[in-house]
């Protein structure tokens, strides 16, 4: 195996973790937005979703 630059692995790790973080935040906020829209015209039992 050829010797890899540790700085390259570090940059790849930072890029990968930032991409995962952005994807998770995007999915979380879209899920929260959809739940808040659905909970407007549903029963008050879904009001615990607002406490996230």
Protein backbone atom coordinates (compact mmCIF):
# COMPACT_ATOMS: atom_id res chain seq x y z
CA UNK A 1 0.00 0.00 0.00
CA UNK A 2 1.38 3.46 -0.82
CA UNK A 3 1.99 5.80 2.07
CA UNK A 4 -0.80 8.36 2.39
CA UNK A 5 -0.46 11.87 3.69
CA UNK A 6 -1.99 12.17 7.19
CA UNK A 7 -3.15 15.68 6.37
CA UNK A 8 -5.16 14.28 3.46
CA UNK A 9 -6.89 11.80 5.77
CA UNK A 10 -7.55 14.62 8.23
CA UNK A 11 -9.13 16.78 5.52
CA UNK A 12 -11.21 13.87 4.27
CA UNK A 13 -12.41 13.13 7.80
CA UNK A 14 -13.37 16.77 8.39
CA UNK A 15 -15.17 16.95 5.04
CA UNK A 16 -17.03 13.69 5.67
CA UNK A 17 -18.07 14.65 9.20
CA UNK A 18 -19.27 18.09 8.04
CA UNK A 19 -21.29 16.48 5.25
CA UNK A 20 -22.88 14.05 7.71
CA UNK A 21 -23.62 16.87 10.14
CA UNK A 22 -25.29 18.97 7.44
CA UNK A 23 -27.33 15.99 6.23
CA UNK A 24 -28.48 15.14 9.75
CA UNK A 25 -29.40 18.75 10.50
CA UNK A 26 -31.30 19.02 7.20
CA UNK A 27 -33.24 15.81 7.87
CA UNK A 28 -33.96 16.85 11.46
CA UNK A 29 -35.25 20.30 10.53
CA UNK A 30 -37.37 19.03 7.64
CA UNK A 31 -38.85 16.34 9.90
CA UNK A 32 -39.57 18.92 12.60
CA UNK A 33 -41.10 21.28 10.04
CA UNK A 34 -43.36 18.54 8.63
CA UNK A 35 -44.40 17.46 12.12
CA UNK A 36 -45.23 21.04 13.10
CA UNK A 37 -47.34 21.45 9.95
CA UNK A 38 -49.16 18.16 10.61
CA UNK A 39 -49.72 18.95 14.28
CA UNK A 40 -51.59 22.15 13.44
CA UNK A 41 -54.65 20.25 12.22
CA UNK A 42 -54.42 17.16 14.45
CA UNK A 43 -55.24 16.33 18.04
CA UNK A 44 -53.35 18.05 20.91
CA UNK A 45 -51.71 14.73 21.78
CA UNK A 46 -48.92 15.60 19.32
CA UNK A 47 -48.04 18.74 21.29
CA UNK A 48 -45.05 16.93 22.85
CA UNK A 49 -43.28 17.27 19.51
CA UNK A 50 -43.01 21.01 20.11
CA UNK A 51 -40.75 20.38 23.13
CA UNK A 52 -37.87 19.09 21.00
